[in-house]
Amino acid sequence: EEIHVDLNNLEEANHLIYENSKEIFEKNFKAFFLGGDHCISYSIVKAFNKVQENPLLIIFDAHADCLEPTKVPTHENWLSKLIEEDGFNPRNVILISTRDLWEKEIEFLKEKEINVIKMDVLREDLDGICDLVMERARNSNGFYISLDIDCLDPAFAPATGYLEPGGMSSRDLIHCIKRLVLLDNFRGADIVEINPDKDVNGMTVKMGAKLLAEMI
């Protein structure tokens, strides 16, 4: 199903994404969304928060996306806007693979007590981190995954707008996803920030397809 939006009217576009996502979550136990800019996750998770009691949000992303909120959410501030203006519980957010942070974002993450799992911690004990995240997910009423493809190292996913060296390998990301989706309270996910025009031999698009297949 395609959610048709007018890119010349972003406020209306966000409203349509919210209303359609809310209806989809209400009618289906699991829902998957393909973007698009990461800002679409603002309206999707806003809808998920409305439908799901006390939800957990697991984000795979090289960036925190927690700059100062603006009237219309962007890929740089959708998460801070979701927390500050729409009441999503920051303690129910887990950021994984985050490695490029502004000073203001570091302050925001500390102030809001958001869980951040950086790459150096992942490299030391991937399975241990998976165990901890799965335990949090298992104890939630329902959890949602937002996956920005730039959580991967550019060697595995070059077709994205903001390449950040030192990311996850495709094998490690697939390993994490395969474990998480085994849980009965997995409610859905989005995959964003893939730009086919920047791809090399279709490797990023294929990676996105592989991740979606594992989730489904």
Protein backbone atom coordinates (compact mmCIF):
# COMPACT_ATOMS: atom_id res chain seq x y z
CA GLU A 1 0.00 0.00 0.00
CA GLU A 2 1.33 3.44 -0.88
CA ILE A 3 0.72 6.48 1.31
CA HIS A 4 0.40 9.29 -1.23
CA VAL A 5 1.86 12.59 -0.05
CA ASP A 6 2.40 16.04 -1.53
CA LEU A 7 6.04 17.04 -1.02
CA ASN A 8 5.08 20.67 -1.56
CA ASN A 9 2.97 20.54 1.61
CA LEU A 10 5.00 18.78 4.29
CA GLU A 11 2.59 19.49 7.14
CA GLU A 12 -0.22 17.80 5.24
CA ALA A 13 2.15 14.99 4.24
CA ASN A 14 3.02 14.31 7.88
CA HIS A 15 -0.65 14.34 8.82
CA LEU A 16 -1.46 11.80 6.09
CA ILE A 17 1.40 9.55 7.17
CA TYR A 18 0.19 9.74 10.78
CA GLU A 19 -3.46 8.98 9.98
CA ASN A 20 -2.64 6.13 7.59
CA SER A 21 -0.06 4.62 9.96
CA LYS A 22 -2.48 4.77 12.88
CA GLU A 23 -5.14 2.93 10.84
CA ILE A 24 -2.58 0.34 9.72
CA PHE A 25 -1.41 -0.32 13.30
CA GLU A 26 -5.02 -0.63 14.47
CA LYS A 27 -5.89 -3.17 11.78
CA ASN A 28 -2.66 -5.21 11.77
CA PHE A 29 -0.54 -6.69 14.54
CA LYS A 30 2.60 -6.07 12.46
CA ALA A 31 3.26 -3.28 9.98
CA PHE A 32 6.27 -2.40 7.83
CA PHE A 33 7.09 0.94 6.21
CA LEU A 34 9.63 1.77 3.51
CA GLY A 35 10.97 5.30 3.06
CA GLY A 36 12.04 7.82 2.31
CA ASP A 37 13.77 10.29 4.54
CA HIS A 38 14.03 9.35 8.21
CA CYS A 39 11.63 12.15 9.11
CA ILE A 40 8.74 9.85 8.09
CA SER A 41 9.43 7.88 11.27
CA TYR A 42 8.17 10.84 13.29
CA SER A 43 4.58 10.44 12.10
CA ILE A 44 4.75 6.63 12.06
CA VAL A 45 6.05 6.30 15.62
CA LYS A 46 3.68 9.04 16.77
CA ALA A 47 0.84 6.82 15.50
CA PHE A 48 2.40 3.73 17.10
CA ASN A 49 2.59 5.57 20.43
CA LYS A 50 -1.10 6.38 20.12
CA VAL A 51 -2.11 2.78 19.44
CA GLN A 52 0.39 0.83 21.58
CA GLU A 53 0.39 1.16 25.36
CA ASN A 54 3.87 2.00 26.73
CA PRO A 55 5.78 1.12 23.52
CA LEU A 56 9.53 0.56 23.13
CA LEU A 57 11.35 2.16 20.19
CA ILE A 58 14.59 0.58 18.96
CA ILE A 59 16.52 2.74 16.48
CA PHE A 60 19.48 1.64 14.38
CA ASP A 61 21.10 4.87 13.17
CA ALA A 62 24.51 6.50 12.80
CA HIS A 63 22.94 9.75 14.02
CA ALA A 64 20.84 10.67 17.05
CA ASP A 65 18.41 12.93 15.13
CA CYS A 66 17.92 14.99 18.28
CA LEU A 67 18.63 18.56 17.21
CA GLU A 68 16.21 21.31 18.23
CA PRO A 69 12.66 20.54 17.00
CA THR A 70 11.18 22.56 14.15
CA LYS A 71 7.59 23.03 13.04
CA VAL A 72 7.99 20.34 10.40
CA PRO A 73 10.20 17.40 11.47
CA THR A 74 13.42 16.70 9.58
CA HIS A 75 15.82 13.77 9.50
CA GLU A 76 17.94 15.73 12.01
CA ASN A 77 15.31 16.29 14.71
CA TRP A 78 12.41 13.85 14.32
CA LEU A 79 13.28 11.98 17.51
CA SER A 80 13.65 15.06 19.73
CA LYS A 81 10.36 16.41 18.34
CA LEU A 82 8.64 13.09 19.05
CA ILE A 83 9.84 13.24 22.67
CA GLU A 84 9.50 16.96 23.37
CA GLU A 85 6.22 17.70 21.60
CA ASP A 86 4.41 14.38 21.38
CA GLY A 87 5.21 12.83 24.72
CA PHE A 88 7.07 9.67 23.69
CA ASN A 89 8.81 8.33 26.80
CA PRO A 90 12.57 8.88 26.24
CA ARG A 91 13.41 6.02 28.61
CA ASN A 92 11.66 3.74 26.13
CA VAL A 93 14.12 4.60 23.35
CA ILE A 94 17.24 2.60 22.50
CA LEU A 95 19.71 4.03 19.97
CA ILE A 96 22.09 1.52 18.40
CA SER A 97 25.20 2.18 16.23
CA THR A 98 25.06 5.94 16.89
CA ARG A 99 28.48 7.46 16.21
CA ASP A 100 28.14 11.04 14.94
CA LEU A 101 26.70 13.38 17.58
CA TRP A 102 26.43 17.14 17.99
CA GLU A 103 27.19 18.57 21.45
CA LYS A 104 23.55 19.63 21.86
CA GLU A 105 22.44 16.09 21.07
CA ILE A 106 24.78 14.62 23.68
CA GLU A 107 23.27 16.95 26.28
CA PHE A 108 19.74 16.05 25.18
CA LEU A 109 20.43 12.31 25.36
CA LYS A 110 21.87 12.63 28.87
CA GLU A 111 19.07 14.89 30.08
CA LYS A 112 16.36 12.57 28.76
CA GLU A 113 18.19 9.41 29.89
CA ILE A 114 17.99 7.86 26.44
CA ASN A 115 19.82 4.56 26.06
CA VAL A 116 22.65 4.88 23.53
CA ILE A 117 24.70 1.87 22.40
CA LYS A 118 27.74 3.08 20.50
CA MET A 119 29.87 1.11 18.09
CA ASP A 120 32.77 0.52 20.48
CA VAL A 121 30.40 -1.23 22.90
CA LEU A 122 28.82 -3.25 20.08
CA ARG A 123 32.21 -4.40 18.85
CA GLU A 124 33.21 -5.64 22.30
CA ASP A 125 30.17 -7.83 22.94
CA LEU A 126 27.57 -8.02 20.19
CA ASP A 127 25.70 -10.99 21.66
CA GLY A 128 25.72 -9.48 25.14
CA ILE A 129 24.20 -6.26 23.80
CA CYS A 130 21.63 -8.28 21.83
CA ASP A 131 20.69 -10.07 25.04
CA LEU A 132 20.19 -6.77 26.89
CA VAL A 133 18.12 -5.22 24.06
CA MET A 134 16.02 -8.37 23.72
CA GLU A 135 15.33 -8.35 27.45
CA ARG A 136 14.10 -4.75 27.23
CA ALA A 137 12.01 -5.61 24.18
CA ARG A 138 10.59 -8.75 25.78
CA ASN A 139 9.40 -6.76 28.81
CA SER A 140 7.64 -4.11 26.72
CA ASN A 141 3.99 -4.28 25.69
CA GLY A 142 5.09 -3.95 22.07
CA PHE A 143 8.20 -2.71 20.29
CA TYR A 144 8.95 -1.05 16.96
CA ILE A 145 12.24 -0.89 15.03
CA SER A 146 13.30 2.16 13.03
CA LEU A 147 16.23 1.28 10.79
CA ASP A 148 18.27 3.97 9.08
CA ILE A 149 20.51 2.20 6.57
CA ASP A 150 23.45 4.43 7.58
CA CYS A 151 23.74 2.41 10.79
CA LEU A 152 25.78 0.15 8.51
CA ASP A 153 29.33 0.95 7.53
CA PRO A 154 29.41 2.61 4.07
CA ALA A 155 31.28 -0.45 2.77
CA PHE A 156 28.01 -2.39 3.12
CA ALA A 157 25.52 0.38 2.28
CA PRO A 158 26.92 3.23 0.17
CA ALA A 159 23.56 4.44 -1.17
CA THR A 160 22.56 6.87 1.54
CA GLY A 161 22.79 10.61 2.11
CA TYR A 162 25.10 10.87 5.11
CA LEU A 163 27.85 8.26 5.09
CA GLU A 164 29.47 7.63 8.48
CA PRO A 165 32.56 5.37 8.64
CA GLY A 166 32.91 2.79 11.37
CA GLY A 167 29.38 1.36 11.31
CA MET A 168 27.96 -2.12 11.73
CA SER A 169 28.68 -4.92 9.30
CA SER A 170 25.77 -6.36 7.34
CA ARG A 171 26.28 -9.71 9.09
CA ASP A 172 26.06 -8.18 12.58
CA LEU A 173 22.96 -6.12 11.75
CA ILE A 174 21.17 -9.14 10.27
CA HIS A 175 22.13 -11.13 13.38
CA CYS A 176 20.56 -8.49 15.66
CA ILE A 177 17.40 -8.20 13.57
CA LYS A 178 16.92 -11.98 13.31
CA ARG A 179 17.03 -12.25 17.09
CA LEU A 180 14.70 -9.34 17.79
CA VAL A 181 11.96 -10.40 15.38
CA LEU A 182 11.66 -13.77 17.13
CA LEU A 183 9.88 -12.03 20.00
CA ASP A 184 6.09 -12.27 20.02
CA ASN A 185 5.57 -8.57 20.77
CA PHE A 186 7.44 -7.28 17.70
CA ARG A 187 4.94 -4.89 16.11
CA GLY A 188 6.73 -3.64 13.02
CA ALA A 189 9.50 -1.53 11.54
CA ASP A 190 10.56 1.04 9.00
CA ILE A 191 13.61 1.02 6.71
CA VAL A 192 14.69 4.47 5.56
CA GLU A 193 17.38 6.57 3.86
CA ILE A 194 18.14 4.24 0.93
CA ASN A 195 18.79 6.22 -2.25
CA PRO A 196 19.02 3.86 -5.27
CA ASP A 197 20.54 6.63 -7.39
CA LYS A 198 23.69 6.48 -5.24
CA ASP A 199 23.96 2.70 -5.15
CA VAL A 200 26.88 0.52 -6.26
CA ASN A 201 25.84 -2.68 -8.05
CA GLY A 202 22.50 -2.52 -6.22
CA MET A 203 24.14 -3.63 -2.97
CA THR A 204 22.28 -1.21 -0.67
CA VAL A 205 18.89 -1.95 -2.21
CA LYS A 206 19.58 -5.68 -1.88
CA MET A 207 20.58 -5.13 1.74
CA GLY A 208 17.31 -3.32 2.42
CA ALA A 209 15.39 -6.16 0.77
CA LYS A 210 17.28 -8.71 2.88
CA LEU A 211 16.48 -6.85 6.11
CA LEU A 212 12.81 -6.58 5.18
CA ALA A 213 12.68 -10.29 4.36
CA GLU A 214 14.19 -11.16 7.74
CA MET A 215 11.66 -8.96 9.54
CA ILE A 216 8.68 -10.43 7.68
